[in-house]
Amino acid sequence: MKERRQYYKRSLDYIPTQYRPVDLAYMAGIVDGEGCFFMCKLPKKEGDGYTTEHYRGLLKIDNTDIRLLDWIDNTFSGTSSARCRSTSSRKFEREVFTWNATGDRLLDLCEQILPYLIIKKEQCEIMIRFRKTYTAKLGSNKLSKETIEARQTCLEEIRKLNSRWHLHPLKGNPMI
C-alpha cells in the first residue's frame, strides 16, 4: 500500500483503499458493461483559477436501477446523482442514476480493477497513464509542455477507443 501512496500527492484527504477481489471483479464487469472512461480538455477562462487549459478525466457509470449505484457508492464511494433521460420519441422517460469517480480515487480504482477488465482494459490503462500526470500539490496548476502533451495524447487515444462510429475520422479510416 505504501508504494502506491506515492501517486496520491494531490489530495491529503484521499487514502488508497484495498478492495476485496470479489468486489473488484464485480465492479470490472459493471465498468465493462455500463461504464465510460471519459476525458476532456477545458479552455482557460477568465477567473477560473487556472493558468492554462486543463484536462479532466473520470469514470462514469449510468444505470436506471438505484440499487446498483447504491452498492457502488457504498463499496467504492465517489459521487452519485440522478437525472431524467428521455427517448427521442419522448414517449418514455426514465430516471437515470449516475456514479462518478475522479481524482485520486479514480487512479486507485483503475489500478485495482485493471486485471479484471476485458472490454475496457485499454481505456483503463490510458486513464491510469493520464492520472499519473497529476503529480503537483494542490494549488499548483502550471503545466509543463510535456505534461500537456502527455494528457493530450491520452485524450486522443481514449476518444479513438470510445468513438461509436466506424467511419469516424479519429478511427483512422483512410476513406475520410
N, C-alpha and C. Protein backbone atom coordinates (compact mmCIF):
# COMPACT_ATOMS: atom_id res chain seq x y z
N MET A 1 0.82 -1.19 0.00
CA MET A 1 0.00 0.00 0.00
C MET A 1 0.87 1.25 0.00
N LYS A 2 1.97 1.26 0.75
CA LYS A 2 2.81 2.46 0.80
C LYS A 2 3.40 2.81 -0.56
N GLU A 3 3.79 1.79 -1.34
CA GLU A 3 4.38 2.09 -2.65
C GLU A 3 3.35 2.72 -3.58
N ARG A 4 2.05 2.42 -3.40
CA ARG A 4 1.02 3.03 -4.21
C ARG A 4 0.73 4.46 -3.75
N ARG A 5 0.99 4.76 -2.50
CA ARG A 5 0.68 6.08 -1.94
C ARG A 5 1.45 7.19 -2.66
N GLN A 6 2.60 6.87 -3.25
CA GLN A 6 3.42 7.89 -3.91
C GLN A 6 2.67 8.62 -5.02
N TYR A 7 1.69 7.98 -5.63
CA TYR A 7 0.95 8.62 -6.72
C TYR A 7 -0.15 9.55 -6.22
N TYR A 8 -0.48 9.46 -4.96
CA TYR A 8 -1.61 10.22 -4.42
C TYR A 8 -1.11 11.45 -3.69
N LYS A 9 -0.49 12.35 -4.43
CA LYS A 9 0.14 13.52 -3.84
C LYS A 9 -0.79 14.72 -3.80
N ARG A 10 -1.86 14.71 -4.57
CA ARG A 10 -2.68 15.90 -4.71
C ARG A 10 -3.67 16.08 -3.57
N SER A 11 -4.24 15.02 -3.08
CA SER A 11 -5.29 15.14 -2.08
C SER A 11 -4.80 14.60 -0.74
N LEU A 12 -4.84 15.44 0.25
CA LEU A 12 -4.47 15.00 1.58
C LEU A 12 -5.57 14.16 2.20
N ASP A 13 -6.79 14.29 1.69
CA ASP A 13 -7.93 13.58 2.26
C ASP A 13 -8.04 12.14 1.78
N TYR A 14 -7.60 11.86 0.55
CA TYR A 14 -7.81 10.53 -0.01
C TYR A 14 -6.73 9.56 0.45
N ILE A 15 -7.16 8.44 0.97
CA ILE A 15 -6.25 7.37 1.36
C ILE A 15 -6.61 6.17 0.51
N PRO A 16 -5.67 5.62 -0.23
CA PRO A 16 -5.96 4.45 -1.07
C PRO A 16 -6.55 3.31 -0.24
N THR A 17 -7.50 2.62 -0.83
CA THR A 17 -8.20 1.54 -0.15
C THR A 17 -7.95 0.24 -0.90
N GLN A 18 -7.68 -0.82 -0.17
CA GLN A 18 -7.53 -2.13 -0.80
C GLN A 18 -8.89 -2.81 -0.75
N TYR A 19 -9.51 -2.95 -1.92
CA TYR A 19 -10.85 -3.53 -2.00
C TYR A 19 -10.78 -5.05 -2.12
N ARG A 20 -11.87 -5.71 -1.76
CA ARG A 20 -11.93 -7.18 -1.85
C ARG A 20 -11.93 -7.60 -3.32
N PRO A 21 -11.21 -8.67 -3.66
CA PRO A 21 -11.16 -9.13 -5.06
C PRO A 21 -12.55 -9.39 -5.66
N VAL A 22 -13.48 -9.91 -4.89
CA VAL A 22 -14.81 -10.18 -5.43
C VAL A 22 -15.51 -8.87 -5.79
N ASP A 23 -15.33 -7.81 -5.00
CA ASP A 23 -15.91 -6.51 -5.32
C ASP A 23 -15.26 -5.90 -6.56
N LEU A 24 -13.95 -6.06 -6.67
CA LEU A 24 -13.23 -5.53 -7.84
C LEU A 24 -13.67 -6.25 -9.11
N ALA A 25 -13.85 -7.56 -9.03
CA ALA A 25 -14.27 -8.33 -10.21
C ALA A 25 -15.68 -7.92 -10.63
N TYR A 26 -16.58 -7.74 -9.66
CA TYR A 26 -17.94 -7.32 -9.98
C TYR A 26 -17.94 -5.90 -10.56
N MET A 27 -17.15 -5.02 -9.97
CA MET A 27 -17.06 -3.65 -10.46
C MET A 27 -16.51 -3.63 -11.89
N ALA A 28 -15.53 -4.46 -12.17
CA ALA A 28 -14.97 -4.53 -13.52
C ALA A 28 -16.04 -4.95 -14.52
N GLY A 29 -16.89 -5.89 -14.15
CA GLY A 29 -17.99 -6.31 -15.02
C GLY A 29 -18.97 -5.16 -15.27
N ILE A 30 -19.24 -4.39 -14.22
CA ILE A 30 -20.12 -3.23 -14.37
C ILE A 30 -19.48 -2.20 -15.30
N VAL A 31 -18.19 -1.93 -15.09
CA VAL A 31 -17.48 -0.96 -15.93
C VAL A 31 -17.45 -1.43 -17.38
N ASP A 32 -17.15 -2.71 -17.60
CA ASP A 32 -17.15 -3.23 -18.97
C ASP A 32 -18.51 -3.06 -19.65
N GLY A 33 -19.59 -3.22 -18.89
CA GLY A 33 -20.92 -3.16 -19.49
C GLY A 33 -21.59 -1.80 -19.44
N GLU A 34 -21.42 -1.06 -18.36
CA GLU A 34 -22.15 0.18 -18.14
C GLU A 34 -21.26 1.41 -18.01
N GLY A 35 -19.96 1.21 -17.92
CA GLY A 35 -19.06 2.31 -17.60
C GLY A 35 -18.51 3.04 -18.80
N CYS A 36 -18.00 4.24 -18.53
CA CYS A 36 -17.37 5.04 -19.56
C CYS A 36 -16.16 5.76 -18.96
N PHE A 37 -15.00 5.55 -19.54
CA PHE A 37 -13.82 6.33 -19.18
C PHE A 37 -13.86 7.57 -20.04
N PHE A 38 -14.00 8.72 -19.42
CA PHE A 38 -14.19 9.97 -20.14
C PHE A 38 -13.07 10.96 -19.83
N MET A 39 -12.61 11.65 -20.88
CA MET A 39 -11.62 12.72 -20.73
C MET A 39 -12.07 13.89 -21.58
N CYS A 40 -11.71 15.09 -21.11
CA CYS A 40 -11.98 16.28 -21.91
C CYS A 40 -10.93 17.34 -21.61
N LYS A 41 -10.83 18.29 -22.51
CA LYS A 41 -9.93 19.43 -22.34
C LYS A 41 -10.79 20.66 -22.21
N LEU A 42 -10.53 21.44 -21.18
CA LEU A 42 -11.28 22.66 -20.93
C LEU A 42 -10.39 23.86 -21.18
N PRO A 43 -10.87 24.84 -21.93
CA PRO A 43 -10.04 26.02 -22.19
C PRO A 43 -9.93 26.88 -20.93
N LYS A 44 -8.87 27.64 -20.86
CA LYS A 44 -8.72 28.58 -19.75
C LYS A 44 -9.75 29.69 -19.92
N LYS A 45 -10.45 29.97 -18.83
CA LYS A 45 -11.44 31.05 -18.84
C LYS A 45 -11.03 32.08 -17.81
N GLU A 46 -11.41 33.30 -18.08
CA GLU A 46 -11.12 34.39 -17.15
C GLU A 46 -11.73 34.08 -15.79
N GLY A 47 -10.90 34.11 -14.76
CA GLY A 47 -11.38 33.94 -13.40
C GLY A 47 -11.61 32.51 -12.95
N ASP A 48 -11.20 31.52 -13.77
CA ASP A 48 -11.43 30.14 -13.36
C ASP A 48 -10.33 29.59 -12.45
N GLY A 49 -9.28 30.38 -12.24
CA GLY A 49 -8.22 29.94 -11.34
C GLY A 49 -7.11 29.14 -12.00
N TYR A 50 -7.28 28.79 -13.26
CA TYR A 50 -6.26 28.03 -13.97
C TYR A 50 -5.38 28.98 -14.77
N THR A 51 -4.11 28.61 -14.89
CA THR A 51 -3.19 29.45 -15.67
C THR A 51 -3.08 28.98 -17.11
N THR A 52 -3.54 27.75 -17.39
CA THR A 52 -3.50 27.21 -18.76
C THR A 52 -4.78 26.41 -18.99
N GLU A 53 -4.93 25.89 -20.20
CA GLU A 53 -6.02 24.95 -20.44
C GLU A 53 -5.83 23.78 -19.47
N HIS A 54 -6.89 23.07 -19.17
CA HIS A 54 -6.76 21.97 -18.24
C HIS A 54 -7.61 20.78 -18.69
N TYR A 55 -7.29 19.64 -18.16
CA TYR A 55 -7.89 18.39 -18.58
C TYR A 55 -8.63 17.76 -17.41
N ARG A 56 -9.67 17.01 -17.74
CA ARG A 56 -10.41 16.27 -16.73
C ARG A 56 -10.59 14.84 -17.20
N GLY A 57 -10.56 13.93 -16.26
CA GLY A 57 -10.81 12.53 -16.54
C GLY A 57 -11.72 11.96 -15.47
N LEU A 58 -12.61 11.07 -15.88
CA LEU A 58 -13.48 10.44 -14.89
C LEU A 58 -13.97 9.10 -15.40
N LEU A 59 -14.40 8.29 -14.45
CA LEU A 59 -15.09 7.05 -14.75
C LEU A 59 -16.54 7.30 -14.40
N LYS A 60 -17.42 7.05 -15.35
CA LYS A 60 -18.84 7.33 -15.18
C LYS A 60 -19.63 6.06 -15.41
N ILE A 61 -20.58 5.79 -14.52
CA ILE A 61 -21.46 4.64 -14.67
C ILE A 61 -22.89 5.14 -14.56
N ASP A 62 -23.70 4.85 -15.58
CA ASP A 62 -25.12 5.20 -15.60
C ASP A 62 -25.94 3.92 -15.51
N ASN A 63 -27.04 3.99 -14.77
CA ASN A 63 -27.94 2.86 -14.70
C ASN A 63 -29.30 3.34 -14.22
N THR A 64 -30.36 2.64 -14.60
CA THR A 64 -31.70 3.03 -14.19
C THR A 64 -32.12 2.37 -12.87
N ASP A 65 -31.29 1.49 -12.34
CA ASP A 65 -31.61 0.82 -11.07
C ASP A 65 -30.73 1.41 -9.97
N ILE A 66 -31.35 2.12 -9.06
CA ILE A 66 -30.62 2.79 -7.99
C ILE A 66 -29.88 1.80 -7.09
N ARG A 67 -30.34 0.56 -7.02
CA ARG A 67 -29.67 -0.41 -6.14
C ARG A 67 -28.23 -0.66 -6.58
N LEU A 68 -27.99 -0.67 -7.88
CA LEU A 68 -26.63 -0.87 -8.37
C LEU A 68 -25.74 0.30 -7.96
N LEU A 69 -26.24 1.52 -8.16
CA LEU A 69 -25.44 2.70 -7.82
C LEU A 69 -25.24 2.82 -6.31
N ASP A 70 -26.24 2.40 -5.53
CA ASP A 70 -26.07 2.39 -4.07
C ASP A 70 -24.96 1.43 -3.66
N TRP A 71 -24.91 0.24 -4.29
CA TRP A 71 -23.85 -0.71 -3.97
C TRP A 71 -22.48 -0.13 -4.33
N ILE A 72 -22.38 0.46 -5.50
CA ILE A 72 -21.11 1.05 -5.93
C ILE A 72 -20.70 2.15 -4.96
N ASP A 73 -21.62 3.02 -4.62
CA ASP A 73 -21.31 4.13 -3.73
C ASP A 73 -20.92 3.64 -2.34
N ASN A 74 -21.61 2.64 -1.83
CA ASN A 74 -21.27 2.09 -0.52
C ASN A 74 -19.94 1.35 -0.52
N THR A 75 -19.60 0.74 -1.63
CA THR A 75 -18.36 -0.05 -1.71
C THR A 75 -17.15 0.79 -2.08
N PHE A 76 -17.31 1.72 -3.02
CA PHE A 76 -16.18 2.47 -3.56
C PHE A 76 -16.22 3.98 -3.31
N SER A 77 -17.30 4.47 -2.76
CA SER A 77 -17.52 5.92 -2.58
C SER A 77 -17.61 6.58 -3.96
N GLY A 78 -17.29 7.85 -4.07
CA GLY A 78 -17.42 8.55 -5.34
C GLY A 78 -18.50 9.61 -5.24
N THR A 79 -19.08 9.97 -6.37
CA THR A 79 -20.13 10.98 -6.43
C THR A 79 -21.32 10.39 -7.15
N SER A 80 -22.49 10.51 -6.55
CA SER A 80 -23.71 9.98 -7.17
C SER A 80 -24.68 11.11 -7.47
N SER A 81 -25.49 10.91 -8.50
CA SER A 81 -26.51 11.89 -8.83
C SER A 81 -27.62 11.18 -9.61
N ALA A 82 -28.72 11.87 -9.79
CA ALA A 82 -29.84 11.32 -10.58
C ALA A 82 -30.27 12.36 -11.58
N ARG A 83 -30.77 11.87 -12.72
CA ARG A 83 -31.32 12.78 -13.73
C ARG A 83 -32.36 12.01 -14.51
N CYS A 84 -33.15 12.71 -15.26
CA CYS A 84 -34.19 12.08 -16.06
C CYS A 84 -33.76 12.12 -17.52
N ARG A 85 -33.80 10.99 -18.17
CA ARG A 85 -33.41 10.90 -19.57
C ARG A 85 -34.63 10.55 -20.41
N SER A 86 -34.82 11.24 -21.50
CA SER A 86 -35.96 11.00 -22.39
C SER A 86 -35.49 10.28 -23.64
N THR A 87 -36.39 9.49 -24.21
CA THR A 87 -36.09 8.88 -25.50
C THR A 87 -36.38 9.90 -26.59
N SER A 88 -35.93 9.62 -27.80
CA SER A 88 -36.14 10.56 -28.89
C SER A 88 -37.62 10.76 -29.21
N SER A 89 -38.43 9.75 -28.96
CA SER A 89 -39.86 9.88 -29.23
C SER A 89 -40.59 10.58 -28.08
N ARG A 90 -39.93 10.75 -26.97
CA ARG A 90 -40.48 11.40 -25.77
C ARG A 90 -41.67 10.63 -25.18
N LYS A 91 -41.88 9.39 -25.61
CA LYS A 91 -42.95 8.59 -25.05
C LYS A 91 -42.57 8.02 -23.69
N PHE A 92 -41.29 7.78 -23.52
CA PHE A 92 -40.83 7.16 -22.29
C PHE A 92 -39.77 8.03 -21.65
N GLU A 93 -39.88 8.21 -20.38
CA GLU A 93 -38.84 8.89 -19.62
C GLU A 93 -38.45 7.99 -18.48
N ARG A 94 -37.15 7.85 -18.28
CA ARG A 94 -36.66 7.01 -17.19
C ARG A 94 -35.67 7.81 -16.38
N GLU A 95 -35.73 7.62 -15.11
CA GLU A 95 -34.73 8.25 -14.26
C GLU A 95 -33.45 7.45 -14.41
N VAL A 96 -32.37 8.16 -14.65
CA VAL A 96 -31.06 7.54 -14.82
C VAL A 96 -30.18 8.01 -13.68
N PHE A 97 -29.55 7.07 -13.02
CA PHE A 97 -28.68 7.38 -11.90
C PHE A 97 -27.24 7.30 -12.38
N THR A 98 -26.42 8.21 -11.90
CA THR A 98 -25.03 8.30 -12.34
C THR A 98 -24.10 8.25 -11.14
N TRP A 99 -23.00 7.53 -11.31
CA TRP A 99 -21.93 7.48 -10.32
C TRP A 99 -20.65 7.87 -11.03
N ASN A 100 -19.84 8.73 -10.41
CA ASN A 100 -18.57 9.18 -10.99
C ASN A 100 -17.43 8.96 -10.01
N ALA A 101 -16.29 8.65 -10.56
CA ALA A 101 -15.04 8.64 -9.78
C ALA A 101 -14.07 9.57 -10.49
N THR A 102 -13.43 10.43 -9.73
CA THR A 102 -12.45 11.36 -10.28
C THR A 102 -11.23 11.39 -9.37
N GLY A 103 -10.21 12.10 -9.83
CA GLY A 103 -9.05 12.36 -9.00
C GLY A 103 -8.31 11.11 -8.54
N ASP A 104 -7.82 11.18 -7.31
CA ASP A 104 -7.02 10.09 -6.76
C ASP A 104 -7.84 8.80 -6.59
N ARG A 105 -9.13 8.94 -6.27
CA ARG A 105 -10.00 7.77 -6.16
C ARG A 105 -10.06 7.04 -7.50
N LEU A 106 -10.11 7.80 -8.59
CA LEU A 106 -10.16 7.21 -9.93
C LEU A 106 -8.89 6.40 -10.21
N LEU A 107 -7.74 6.98 -9.92
CA LEU A 107 -6.48 6.26 -10.14
C LEU A 107 -6.42 4.99 -9.31
N ASP A 108 -6.79 5.08 -8.04
CA ASP A 108 -6.76 3.93 -7.16
C ASP A 108 -7.67 2.82 -7.68
N LEU A 109 -8.88 3.18 -8.05
CA LEU A 109 -9.83 2.20 -8.54
C LEU A 109 -9.38 1.59 -9.87
N CYS A 110 -8.88 2.41 -10.77
CA CYS A 110 -8.40 1.91 -12.07
C CYS A 110 -7.28 0.89 -11.90
N GLU A 111 -6.33 1.20 -11.03
CA GLU A 111 -5.21 0.28 -10.82
C GLU A 111 -5.69 -1.06 -10.27
N GLN A 112 -6.75 -1.04 -9.48
CA GLN A 112 -7.21 -2.28 -8.86
C GLN A 112 -8.16 -3.09 -9.73
N ILE A 113 -8.97 -2.44 -10.59
CA ILE A 113 -9.89 -3.21 -11.44
C ILE A 113 -9.25 -3.65 -12.75
N LEU A 114 -8.11 -3.06 -13.10
CA LEU A 114 -7.46 -3.35 -14.38
C LEU A 114 -7.31 -4.85 -14.66
N PRO A 115 -6.84 -5.67 -13.72
CA PRO A 115 -6.67 -7.10 -14.04
C PRO A 115 -7.98 -7.83 -14.35
N TYR A 116 -9.09 -7.27 -13.92
CA TYR A 116 -10.39 -7.92 -14.10
C TYR A 116 -11.14 -7.45 -15.35
N LEU A 117 -10.71 -6.35 -15.95
CA LEU A 117 -11.40 -5.81 -17.12
C LEU A 117 -11.14 -6.65 -18.37
N ILE A 118 -12.11 -6.68 -19.24
CA ILE A 118 -11.97 -7.37 -20.52
C ILE A 118 -12.15 -6.36 -21.65
N ILE A 119 -13.31 -5.73 -21.72
CA ILE A 119 -13.66 -4.84 -22.83
C ILE A 119 -12.96 -3.49 -22.73
N LYS A 120 -12.90 -2.93 -21.54
CA LYS A 120 -12.38 -1.58 -21.38
C LYS A 120 -11.00 -1.54 -20.74
N LYS A 121 -10.25 -2.61 -20.90
CA LYS A 121 -8.89 -2.68 -20.33
C LYS A 121 -7.99 -1.59 -20.90
N GLU A 122 -8.03 -1.39 -22.21
CA GLU A 122 -7.16 -0.40 -22.83
C GLU A 122 -7.51 1.03 -22.39
N GLN A 123 -8.82 1.32 -22.29
CA GLN A 123 -9.23 2.64 -21.80
C GLN A 123 -8.75 2.86 -20.37
N CYS A 124 -8.82 1.81 -19.55
CA CYS A 124 -8.36 1.90 -18.17
C CYS A 124 -6.86 2.17 -18.10
N GLU A 125 -6.09 1.50 -18.94
CA GLU A 125 -4.64 1.74 -18.97
C GLU A 125 -4.33 3.18 -19.36
N ILE A 126 -5.07 3.71 -20.31
CA ILE A 126 -4.88 5.10 -20.72
C ILE A 126 -5.24 6.04 -19.57
N MET A 127 -6.33 5.75 -18.88
CA MET A 127 -6.73 6.60 -17.75
C MET A 127 -5.68 6.58 -16.65
N ILE A 128 -5.08 5.44 -16.40
CA ILE A 128 -4.02 5.36 -15.39
C ILE A 128 -2.84 6.24 -15.81
N ARG A 129 -2.43 6.13 -17.07
CA ARG A 129 -1.34 6.99 -17.57
C ARG A 129 -1.70 8.46 -17.42
N PHE A 130 -2.94 8.80 -17.77
CA PHE A 130 -3.44 10.17 -17.67
C PHE A 130 -3.39 10.67 -16.23
N ARG A 131 -3.93 9.88 -15.31
CA ARG A 131 -3.99 10.31 -13.90
C ARG A 131 -2.60 10.41 -13.27
N LYS A 132 -1.64 9.63 -13.74
CA LYS A 132 -0.29 9.70 -13.18
C LYS A 132 0.44 10.97 -13.61
N THR A 133 -0.13 11.74 -14.53
CA THR A 133 0.47 13.04 -14.88
C THR A 133 0.09 14.10 -13.85
N TYR A 134 -0.81 13.77 -12.93
CA TYR A 134 -1.23 14.70 -11.88
C TYR A 134 -0.36 14.47 -10.65
N THR A 135 0.78 15.15 -10.64
CA THR A 135 1.73 14.96 -9.53
C THR A 135 1.92 16.22 -8.70
N ALA A 136 1.34 17.33 -9.13
CA ALA A 136 1.52 18.60 -8.42
C ALA A 136 0.72 18.62 -7.13
N LYS A 137 1.18 19.40 -6.20
CA LYS A 137 0.44 19.62 -4.96
C LYS A 137 -0.78 20.47 -5.26
N LEU A 138 -1.74 20.45 -4.34
CA LEU A 138 -2.92 21.29 -4.50
C LEU A 138 -2.51 22.74 -4.64
N GLY A 139 -3.19 23.45 -5.52
CA GLY A 139 -2.92 24.86 -5.70
C GLY A 139 -1.93 25.15 -6.81
N SER A 140 -1.26 24.14 -7.32
CA SER A 140 -0.31 24.35 -8.42
C SER A 140 -0.97 23.88 -9.71
N ASN A 141 -1.15 24.80 -10.66
CA ASN A 141 -1.79 24.39 -11.90
C ASN A 141 -1.01 24.81 -13.14
N LYS A 142 0.25 25.12 -12.97
CA LYS A 142 1.09 25.42 -14.12
C LYS A 142 1.60 24.10 -14.69
N LEU A 143 1.18 23.81 -15.91
CA LEU A 143 1.54 22.54 -16.53
C LEU A 143 2.71 22.72 -17.47
N SER A 144 3.63 21.77 -17.42
CA SER A 144 4.75 21.79 -18.35
C SER A 144 4.25 21.38 -19.73
N LYS A 145 5.04 21.70 -20.74
CA LYS A 145 4.71 21.32 -22.11
C LYS A 145 4.61 19.79 -22.23
N GLU A 146 5.49 19.09 -21.55
CA GLU A 146 5.49 17.63 -21.59
C GLU A 146 4.21 17.06 -20.98
N THR A 147 3.76 17.66 -19.87
CA THR A 147 2.54 17.19 -19.22
C THR A 147 1.33 17.43 -20.12
N ILE A 148 1.26 18.60 -20.73
CA ILE A 148 0.16 18.91 -21.64
C ILE A 148 0.16 17.93 -22.82
N GLU A 149 1.33 17.65 -23.37
CA GLU A 149 1.42 16.71 -24.50
C GLU A 149 1.00 15.31 -24.08
N ALA A 150 1.41 14.87 -22.89
CA ALA A 150 1.04 13.53 -22.41
C ALA A 150 -0.47 13.43 -22.21
N ARG A 151 -1.07 14.47 -21.63
CA ARG A 151 -2.51 14.46 -21.41
C ARG A 151 -3.27 14.52 -22.73
N GLN A 152 -2.78 15.30 -23.67
CA GLN A 152 -3.43 15.41 -24.98
C GLN A 152 -3.37 14.07 -25.71
N THR A 153 -2.24 13.38 -25.62
CA THR A 153 -2.11 12.07 -26.24
C THR A 153 -3.12 11.09 -25.65
N CYS A 154 -3.24 11.10 -24.32
CA CYS A 154 -4.21 10.23 -23.66
C CYS A 154 -5.63 10.57 -24.11
N LEU A 155 -5.93 11.85 -24.20
CA LEU A 155 -7.26 12.30 -24.63
C LEU A 155 -7.57 11.78 -26.03
N GLU A 156 -6.64 11.92 -26.95
CA GLU A 156 -6.85 11.45 -28.33
C GLU A 156 -7.01 9.93 -28.39
N GLU A 157 -6.21 9.22 -27.60
CA GLU A 157 -6.30 7.75 -27.59
C GLU A 157 -7.64 7.28 -27.06
N ILE A 158 -8.10 7.90 -25.99
CA ILE A 158 -9.37 7.45 -25.40
C ILE A 158 -10.55 7.85 -26.28
N ARG A 159 -10.46 8.99 -26.93
CA ARG A 159 -11.53 9.38 -27.87
C ARG A 159 -11.63 8.39 -29.01
N LYS A 160 -10.49 7.96 -29.49
CA LYS A 160 -10.48 7.00 -30.60
C LYS A 160 -11.13 5.68 -30.16
N LEU A 161 -10.80 5.22 -28.96
CA LEU A 161 -11.37 3.97 -28.47
C LEU A 161 -12.86 4.10 -28.14
N ASN A 162 -13.28 5.27 -27.68
CA ASN A 162 -14.67 5.47 -27.29
C ASN A 162 -15.58 5.84 -28.46
N SER A 163 -15.00 6.11 -29.62
CA SER A 163 -15.79 6.52 -30.77
C SER A 163 -16.79 5.44 -31.16
N ARG A 164 -18.02 5.83 -31.40
CA ARG A 164 -19.08 4.89 -31.74
C ARG A 164 -19.23 4.68 -33.24
N TRP A 165 -18.63 5.52 -34.03
CA TRP A 165 -18.86 5.47 -35.46
C TRP A 165 -17.67 4.84 -36.17
N HIS A 166 -17.92 3.79 -36.93
CA HIS A 166 -16.82 3.07 -37.59
C HIS A 166 -16.14 3.91 -38.65
N LEU A 167 -16.78 4.95 -39.15
CA LEU A 167 -16.15 5.81 -40.15
C LEU A 167 -15.64 7.12 -39.56
N HIS A 168 -15.67 7.23 -38.26
CA HIS A 168 -15.24 8.48 -37.60
C HIS A 168 -13.77 8.76 -37.93
N PRO A 169 -13.40 10.03 -38.18
CA PRO A 169 -12.02 10.35 -38.54
C PRO A 169 -10.99 9.93 -37.49
N LEU A 170 -11.37 9.94 -36.22
CA LEU A 170 -10.42 9.54 -35.18
C LEU A 170 -10.11 8.06 -35.20
N LYS A 171 -10.91 7.28 -35.90
CA LYS A 171 -10.66 5.84 -36.03
C LYS A 171 -9.55 5.56 -37.05
N GLY A 172 -9.09 6.60 -37.74
CA GLY A 172 -8.01 6.39 -38.70
C GLY A 172 -8.48 5.82 -40.01
N ASN A 173 -9.74 6.03 -40.35
CA ASN A 173 -10.30 5.50 -41.58
C ASN A 173 -9.70 6.25 -42.77
N PRO A 174 -9.02 5.55 -43.67
CA PRO A 174 -8.36 6.22 -44.81
C PRO A 174 -9.35 6.78 -45.84
N MET A 175 -10.63 6.40 -45.76
CA MET A 175 -11.60 6.87 -46.74
C MET A 175 -12.09 8.28 -46.46
N ILE A 176 -11.75 8.80 -45.30
CA ILE A 176 -12.23 10.15 -44.94
C ILE A 176 -11.14 11.17 -45.13
